[in-house]
C-alpha cells in the first residue's frame, strides 16, 4: 500500500487554503446573502405590503431567492476546495457586472450600490483567476495536462 495521498478531481492535494481563495469565497457568499436579503424583502413586501402588482413582487422575490443558491453553493464549494465551485463563482461575477452597470446608470441612490457591486465582482474575479487559487483547487492549465499512456 502506498502512503502517498491520492488526489481526485473533487479532492485536490491537501494543504492550507490560500487567503485569496478564502476571500473569494467570502465575497461570493456576501453576494449570495445580498440576494437572499433582497429576495426576502421583495417577498415580504409583495405579501404584506401594498405593491403595484403583488404577483410580480412575489415572483421577483422567489426568483432572487433561487438565484442566491448559485453564489452560496459556489462559496461553500470554494471553502471546501472543490474544483467545480470556481465555475459558478466566476459566472456569478460575470452576471453581476451588467447589474452593476445598470445601477451606475441610475440617477438615484443606487449609484453607490453599483460601485460596490462592480468592485466586489472585479475583485472576486481577480481572486478566482489567481494562480494560488487555481493551484489550491487543483486546476491545471492547458499545457500542464498529465501524459497518460505515452
Protein backbone atom coordinates (compact mmCIF):
# COMPACT_ATOMS: atom_id res chain seq x y z
CA UNK A 1 0.00 0.00 0.00
CA UNK A 2 1.17 3.45 -0.85
CA UNK A 3 1.27 6.09 1.86
CA UNK A 4 1.14 8.83 -0.78
CA UNK A 5 -2.09 10.86 -0.60
CA UNK A 6 -4.37 10.35 -3.56
CA UNK A 7 -5.91 13.27 -5.38
CA UNK A 8 -9.17 13.17 -7.24
CA UNK A 9 -10.99 15.82 -9.25
CA UNK A 10 -13.16 16.52 -6.21
CA UNK A 11 -10.34 16.48 -3.65
CA UNK A 12 -7.11 18.13 -4.80
CA UNK A 13 -3.88 17.76 -2.87
CA UNK A 14 -4.43 18.69 0.74
CA UNK A 15 -2.76 21.77 2.05
CA UNK A 16 -3.58 25.11 3.57
CA UNK A 17 -6.29 27.12 1.86
CA UNK A 18 -4.83 30.32 0.40
CA UNK A 19 -6.15 33.57 1.82
CA UNK A 20 -7.11 34.66 -1.69
CA UNK A 21 -9.40 31.65 -2.02
CA UNK A 22 -10.99 32.35 1.35
CA UNK A 23 -11.52 35.99 0.35
CA UNK A 24 -13.09 34.94 -2.97
CA UNK A 25 -15.43 32.56 -1.13
CA UNK A 26 -16.37 35.28 1.37
CA UNK A 27 -17.14 37.82 -1.35
CA UNK A 28 -19.16 35.26 -3.30
CA UNK A 29 -21.11 34.36 -0.16
CA UNK A 30 -21.69 38.07 0.51
CA UNK A 31 -23.28 38.40 -2.93
CA UNK A 32 -25.45 35.38 -2.24
CA UNK A 33 -26.55 36.79 1.10
CA UNK A 34 -27.39 40.11 -0.55
CA UNK A 35 -29.62 38.23 -2.99
CA UNK A 36 -31.31 36.42 -0.09
CA UNK A 37 -31.96 39.71 1.71
CA UNK A 38 -33.27 41.37 -1.46
CA UNK A 39 -35.45 38.38 -2.30
CA UNK A 40 -36.86 38.14 1.22
CA UNK A 41 -37.59 41.87 1.23
CA UNK A 42 -39.41 41.67 -2.12
CA UNK A 43 -41.33 38.60 -1.00
CA UNK A 44 -42.42 40.13 2.32
CA UNK A 45 -43.37 43.42 0.69
CA UNK A 46 -45.24 41.55 -2.02
CA UNK A 47 -47.24 39.58 0.52
CA UNK A 48 -47.64 42.08 3.37
CA UNK A 49 -47.12 45.45 1.73
CA UNK A 50 -49.10 47.24 -0.93
CA UNK A 51 -47.13 46.75 -4.15
CA UNK A 52 -48.45 47.82 -7.54
CA UNK A 53 -48.51 44.17 -8.59
CA UNK A 54 -48.38 41.61 -5.75
CA UNK A 55 -47.87 38.67 -8.12
CA UNK A 56 -44.87 40.36 -9.75
CA UNK A 57 -43.33 41.25 -6.37
CA UNK A 58 -43.79 37.69 -5.12
CA UNK A 59 -42.33 36.20 -8.30
CA UNK A 60 -39.38 38.60 -8.15
CA UNK A 61 -38.69 37.70 -4.52
CA UNK A 62 -38.80 33.97 -5.20
CA UNK A 63 -36.56 34.43 -8.25
CA UNK A 64 -33.93 36.27 -6.20
CA UNK A 65 -34.05 33.59 -3.51
CA UNK A 66 -33.48 30.86 -6.10
CA UNK A 67 -30.71 32.87 -7.79
CA UNK A 68 -28.98 33.19 -4.40
CA UNK A 69 -28.33 29.45 -4.44
CA UNK A 70 -25.65 29.74 -7.15
CA UNK A 71 -23.23 32.01 -5.27
CA UNK A 72 -23.96 30.41 -1.90
CA UNK A 73 -23.22 26.90 -3.19
CA UNK A 74 -20.17 28.18 -5.04
CA UNK A 75 -18.83 29.85 -1.89
CA UNK A 76 -19.31 26.65 0.09
CA UNK A 77 -17.52 24.66 -2.60
CA UNK A 78 -14.62 27.13 -2.68
CA UNK A 79 -14.20 26.86 1.09
CA UNK A 80 -14.12 23.07 0.75
CA UNK A 81 -11.54 23.32 -2.08
CA UNK A 82 -13.90 21.85 -4.66
CA UNK A 83 -12.72 22.35 -8.23
CA UNK A 84 -16.24 22.64 -9.65
CA UNK A 85 -17.03 25.68 -7.48
CA UNK A 86 -14.83 28.08 -9.41
CA UNK A 87 -17.08 27.98 -12.50
CA UNK A 88 -20.30 29.03 -10.75
CA UNK A 89 -18.39 31.66 -8.77
CA UNK A 90 -16.99 33.16 -11.99
CA UNK A 91 -20.43 33.04 -13.62
CA UNK A 92 -21.87 34.90 -10.63
CA UNK A 93 -19.31 37.67 -11.04
CA UNK A 94 -19.89 37.94 -14.78
CA UNK A 95 -23.65 38.20 -14.15
CA UNK A 96 -23.04 40.89 -11.51
CA UNK A 97 -21.18 43.23 -13.87
CA UNK A 98 -24.17 44.15 -16.09
CA UNK A 99 -26.29 44.62 -12.96
CA UNK A 100 -23.65 46.97 -11.57
CA UNK A 101 -23.60 48.84 -14.90
CA UNK A 102 -27.37 49.33 -14.76
CA UNK A 103 -27.14 50.58 -11.17
CA UNK A 104 -24.45 53.04 -12.24
CA UNK A 105 -26.73 54.40 -14.99
CA UNK A 106 -29.47 55.26 -12.48
CA UNK A 107 -29.92 58.82 -11.29
CA UNK A 108 -30.52 57.82 -7.71
CA UNK A 109 -29.05 56.44 -4.54
CA UNK A 110 -28.39 53.18 -6.42
CA UNK A 111 -25.11 54.55 -7.83
CA UNK A 112 -23.09 53.70 -4.68
CA UNK A 113 -24.58 50.20 -4.80
CA UNK A 114 -23.43 49.88 -8.40
CA UNK A 115 -19.93 50.99 -7.47
CA UNK A 116 -19.81 48.49 -4.59
CA UNK A 117 -21.17 45.64 -6.73
CA UNK A 118 -18.72 46.36 -9.55
CA UNK A 119 -15.83 46.50 -7.09
CA UNK A 120 -16.79 43.22 -5.45
CA UNK A 121 -17.30 41.48 -8.80
CA UNK A 122 -13.97 42.61 -10.25
CA UNK A 123 -12.07 41.85 -7.04
CA UNK A 124 -13.62 38.38 -6.84
CA UNK A 125 -12.81 37.65 -10.49
CA UNK A 126 -9.18 38.64 -9.87
CA UNK A 127 -9.05 36.39 -6.80
CA UNK A 128 -10.63 33.46 -8.66
CA UNK A 129 -8.15 33.51 -11.55
CA UNK A 130 -5.14 33.98 -9.29
CA UNK A 131 -2.55 31.18 -9.71
CA UNK A 132 -2.58 30.39 -5.98
CA UNK A 133 -6.34 29.88 -6.13
CA UNK A 134 -6.26 27.67 -9.20
CA UNK A 135 -3.43 25.61 -7.72
CA UNK A 136 -5.27 25.13 -4.42
CA UNK A 137 -8.33 23.94 -6.33
CA UNK A 138 -6.25 21.52 -8.39
CA UNK A 139 -6.97 23.28 -11.68
CA UNK A 140 -4.21 22.91 -14.23
CA UNK A 141 -3.58 24.98 -17.32
CA UNK A 142 -3.93 23.68 -20.88
CA UNK A 143 -0.22 22.91 -21.26
CA UNK A 144 0.18 21.05 -17.99
CA UNK A 145 -2.07 18.05 -18.58
CA UNK A 146 -0.62 14.78 -17.36
CA UNK A 147 0.61 12.47 -20.05
CA UNK A 148 -1.19 9.20 -19.88
CA UNK A 149 -0.37 6.16 -21.98
CA UNK A 150 2.58 7.53 -23.98
